[in-house]
Amino acid sequence: MVAKRVPRALLQHWTHSHEEDTEAEYVYRPASFTFPPSRGRSSFEIRANGTMTGETPGPTDCSEAVQGRWSYREEDSALTFYAEDSSKPAKVVQIVSLTKGKLVVKHR
């Protein structure tokens, strides 16, 4: 079940904007953002029903998609991703800042 206090701006398709990363933080932009050319970008789409789709560049430069679930913990702004058939988190990040046009996360 998805938390009731999930920030609405989070519910969209996010693409990694690696040009804006720092040593401690990763930056994501909406898929509609105009990115400079890149060989491949990871992305994920977060849906209100608790499901998500993630994409990563594959070995042939074609994207590989994964289905899964996500959860959000308001008290520490933790965003957790789960593989479709797993109860163990695949990845946990902490949201540093979030607007409709930019998501900044720190790996935990």
C-alpha atoms as a PDB file:
ATOM      1  CA  MET A   1       0.000   0.000   0.000  1.00  0.00           C
ATOM      2  CA  VAL A   2       1.308   3.454  -0.904  1.00  0.00           C
ATOM      3  CA  ALA A   3       1.607   6.057   1.858  1.00  0.00           C
ATOM      4  CA  LYS A   4      -1.079   8.733   1.763  1.00  0.00           C
ATOM      5  CA  ARG A   5       1.448  11.556   2.085  1.00  0.00           C
ATOM      6  CA  VAL A   6       3.518  10.757  -0.985  1.00  0.00           C
ATOM      7  CA  PRO A   7       4.540  14.009  -2.678  1.00  0.00           C
ATOM      8  CA  ARG A   8       2.543  14.289  -5.917  1.00  0.00           C
ATOM      9  CA  ALA A   9       5.613  15.521  -7.799  1.00  0.00           C
ATOM     10  CA  LEU A  10       7.193  12.094  -7.244  1.00  0.00           C
ATOM     11  CA  LEU A  11       4.545  10.312  -9.331  1.00  0.00           C
ATOM     12  CA  GLN A  12       6.044  10.539 -12.812  1.00  0.00           C
ATOM     13  CA  HIS A  13       8.728   9.138 -15.111  1.00  0.00           C
ATOM     14  CA  TRP A  14      12.216  10.192 -13.936  1.00  0.00           C
ATOM     15  CA  THR A  15      15.402   9.996 -16.020  1.00  0.00           C
ATOM     16  CA  HIS A  16      18.958  10.174 -14.638  1.00  0.00           C
ATOM     17  CA  SER A  17      20.656  13.465 -15.475  1.00  0.00           C
ATOM     18  CA  HIS A  18      24.192  12.283 -14.734  1.00  0.00           C
ATOM     19  CA  GLU A  19      25.676  15.575 -15.924  1.00  0.00           C
ATOM     20  CA  GLU A  20      24.203  17.215 -12.805  1.00  0.00           C
ATOM     21  CA  ASP A  21      25.356  14.578 -10.276  1.00  0.00           C
ATOM     22  CA  THR A  22      27.719  15.362  -7.432  1.00  0.00           C
ATOM     23  CA  GLU A  23      29.851  12.930  -5.431  1.00  0.00           C
ATOM     24  CA  ALA A  24      27.067  12.525  -2.860  1.00  0.00           C
ATOM     25  CA  GLU A  25      23.874  13.047  -4.860  1.00  0.00           C
ATOM     26  CA  TYR A  26      22.197  11.885  -8.057  1.00  0.00           C
ATOM     27  CA  VAL A  27      19.886  14.092 -10.098  1.00  0.00           C
ATOM     28  CA  TYR A  28      16.816  12.965 -12.036  1.00  0.00           C
ATOM     29  CA  ARG A  29      14.658  15.000 -14.387  1.00  0.00           C
ATOM     30  CA  PRO A  30      11.232  14.279 -15.889  1.00  0.00           C
ATOM     31  CA  ALA A  31      11.394  12.193 -19.064  1.00  0.00           C
ATOM     32  CA  SER A  32      10.129  15.253 -20.975  1.00  0.00           C
ATOM     33  CA  PHE A  33      13.304  17.216 -20.063  1.00  0.00           C
ATOM     34  CA  THR A  34      15.620  18.096 -22.958  1.00  0.00           C
ATOM     35  CA  PHE A  35      18.774  16.113 -22.163  1.00  0.00           C
ATOM     36  CA  PRO A  36      22.098  16.502 -23.967  1.00  0.00           C
ATOM     37  CA  PRO A  37      23.134  13.486 -26.060  1.00  0.00           C
ATOM     38  CA  SER A  38      24.136  10.458 -24.011  1.00  0.00           C
ATOM     39  CA  ARG A  39      24.935   6.849 -24.776  1.00  0.00           C
ATOM     40  CA  GLY A  40      22.277   5.657 -22.347  1.00  0.00           C
ATOM     41  CA  ARG A  41      20.326   6.801 -19.309  1.00  0.00           C
ATOM     42  CA  SER A  42      18.656   4.919 -16.513  1.00  0.00           C
ATOM     43  CA  SER A  43      15.104   5.882 -15.633  1.00  0.00           C
ATOM     44  CA  PHE A  44      12.122   4.839 -13.556  1.00  0.00           C
ATOM     45  CA  GLU A  45       8.423   5.571 -13.542  1.00  0.00           C
ATOM     46  CA  ILE A  46       6.608   5.750 -10.220  1.00  0.00           C
ATOM     47  CA  ARG A  47       2.861   5.141 -10.289  1.00  0.00           C
ATOM     48  CA  ALA A  48       0.283   6.029  -7.626  1.00  0.00           C
ATOM     49  CA  ASN A  49      -0.813   2.385  -7.290  1.00  0.00           C
ATOM     50  CA  GLY A  50       2.600   1.394  -5.845  1.00  0.00           C
ATOM     51  CA  THR A  51       4.019  -0.134  -9.018  1.00  0.00           C
ATOM     52  CA  MET A  52       7.042   1.046 -10.943  1.00  0.00           C
ATOM     53  CA  THR A  53       9.018   0.329 -14.076  1.00  0.00           C
ATOM     54  CA  GLY A  54      12.761   0.840 -14.191  1.00  0.00           C
ATOM     55  CA  GLU A  55      14.962   0.965 -17.275  1.00  0.00           C
ATOM     56  CA  THR A  56      18.724   0.697 -17.548  1.00  0.00           C
ATOM     57  CA  PRO A  57      20.999   0.726 -20.587  1.00  0.00           C
ATOM     58  CA  GLY A  58      21.709  -2.844 -21.658  1.00  0.00           C
ATOM     59  CA  PRO A  59      24.907  -4.311 -23.114  1.00  0.00           C
ATOM     60  CA  THR A  60      23.737  -3.515 -26.665  1.00  0.00           C
ATOM     61  CA  ASP A  61      22.728   0.075 -25.743  1.00  0.00           C
ATOM     62  CA  CYS A  62      19.056  -0.935 -25.828  1.00  0.00           C
ATOM     63  CA  SER A  63      17.134  -0.289 -22.622  1.00  0.00           C
ATOM     64  CA  GLU A  64      16.243  -3.209 -20.401  1.00  0.00           C
ATOM     65  CA  ALA A  65      13.035  -2.837 -18.367  1.00  0.00           C
ATOM     66  CA  VAL A  66      12.239  -4.213 -14.918  1.00  0.00           C
ATOM     67  CA  GLN A  67       8.863  -4.223 -13.208  1.00  0.00           C
ATOM     68  CA  GLY A  68       8.556  -3.749  -9.490  1.00  0.00           C
ATOM     69  CA  ARG A  69       7.030  -1.929  -6.554  1.00  0.00           C
ATOM     70  CA  TRP A  70       8.033   1.066  -4.513  1.00  0.00           C
ATOM     71  CA  SER A  71       7.329   2.587  -1.117  1.00  0.00           C
ATOM     72  CA  TYR A  72       7.927   5.971   0.465  1.00  0.00           C
ATOM     73  CA  ARG A  73       8.640   6.655   4.127  1.00  0.00           C
ATOM     74  CA  GLU A  74       7.764  10.237   4.988  1.00  0.00           C
ATOM     75  CA  GLU A  75       9.701  10.505   8.268  1.00  0.00           C
ATOM     76  CA  ASP A  76      13.097  10.196   6.538  1.00  0.00           C
ATOM     77  CA  SER A  77      12.129  10.750   2.878  1.00  0.00           C
ATOM     78  CA  ALA A  78      13.252   7.210   1.997  1.00  0.00           C
ATOM     79  CA  LEU A  79      12.252   5.887  -1.412  1.00  0.00           C
ATOM     80  CA  THR A  80      12.538   2.102  -1.614  1.00  0.00           C
ATOM     81  CA  PHE A  81      12.405   0.006  -4.794  1.00  0.00           C
ATOM     82  CA  TYR A  82      11.537  -3.708  -4.843  1.00  0.00           C
ATOM     83  CA  ALA A  83      11.854  -6.211  -7.669  1.00  0.00           C
ATOM     84  CA  GLU A  84       8.473  -7.494  -8.814  1.00  0.00           C
ATOM     85  CA  ASP A  85       8.623 -10.773  -6.889  1.00  0.00           C
ATOM     86  CA  SER A  86      10.823  -9.852  -3.920  1.00  0.00           C
ATOM     87  CA  SER A  87      10.201  -8.565  -0.418  1.00  0.00           C
ATOM     88  CA  LYS A  88      13.850  -7.529  -0.059  1.00  0.00           C
ATOM     89  CA  PRO A  89      14.592  -3.945  -1.219  1.00  0.00           C
ATOM     90  CA  ALA A  90      16.570  -3.743  -4.456  1.00  0.00           C
ATOM     91  CA  LYS A  91      17.546  -0.128  -3.767  1.00  0.00           C
ATOM     92  CA  VAL A  92      16.896   2.538  -1.137  1.00  0.00           C
ATOM     93  CA  VAL A  93      17.579   6.235  -1.696  1.00  0.00           C
ATOM     94  CA  GLN A  94      16.928   9.299   0.406  1.00  0.00           C
ATOM     95  CA  ILE A  95      15.178  12.207  -1.276  1.00  0.00           C
ATOM     96  CA  VAL A  96      17.202  15.372  -0.716  1.00  0.00           C
ATOM     97  CA  SER A  97      14.931  17.663  -2.732  1.00  0.00           C
ATOM     98  CA  LEU A  98      11.937  17.288  -4.990  1.00  0.00           C
ATOM     99  CA  THR A  99      10.116  19.620  -7.343  1.00  0.00           C
ATOM    100  CA  LYS A 100       7.985  18.807 -10.371  1.00  0.00           C
ATOM    101  CA  GLY A 101      11.069  19.338 -12.550  1.00  0.00           C
ATOM    102  CA  LYS A 102      13.908  17.857 -10.475  1.00  0.00           C
ATOM    103  CA  LEU A 103      14.506  14.984  -8.077  1.00  0.00           C
ATOM    104  CA  VAL A 104      17.754  14.852  -6.078  1.00  0.00           C
ATOM    105  CA  VAL A 105      18.571  11.696  -4.115  1.00  0.00           C
ATOM    106  CA  LYS A 106      21.384  10.510  -1.883  1.00  0.00           C
ATOM    107  CA  HIS A 107      22.268   6.846  -1.730  1.00  0.00           C
ATOM    108  CA  ARG A 108      21.876   5.342   1.712  1.00  0.00           C
END
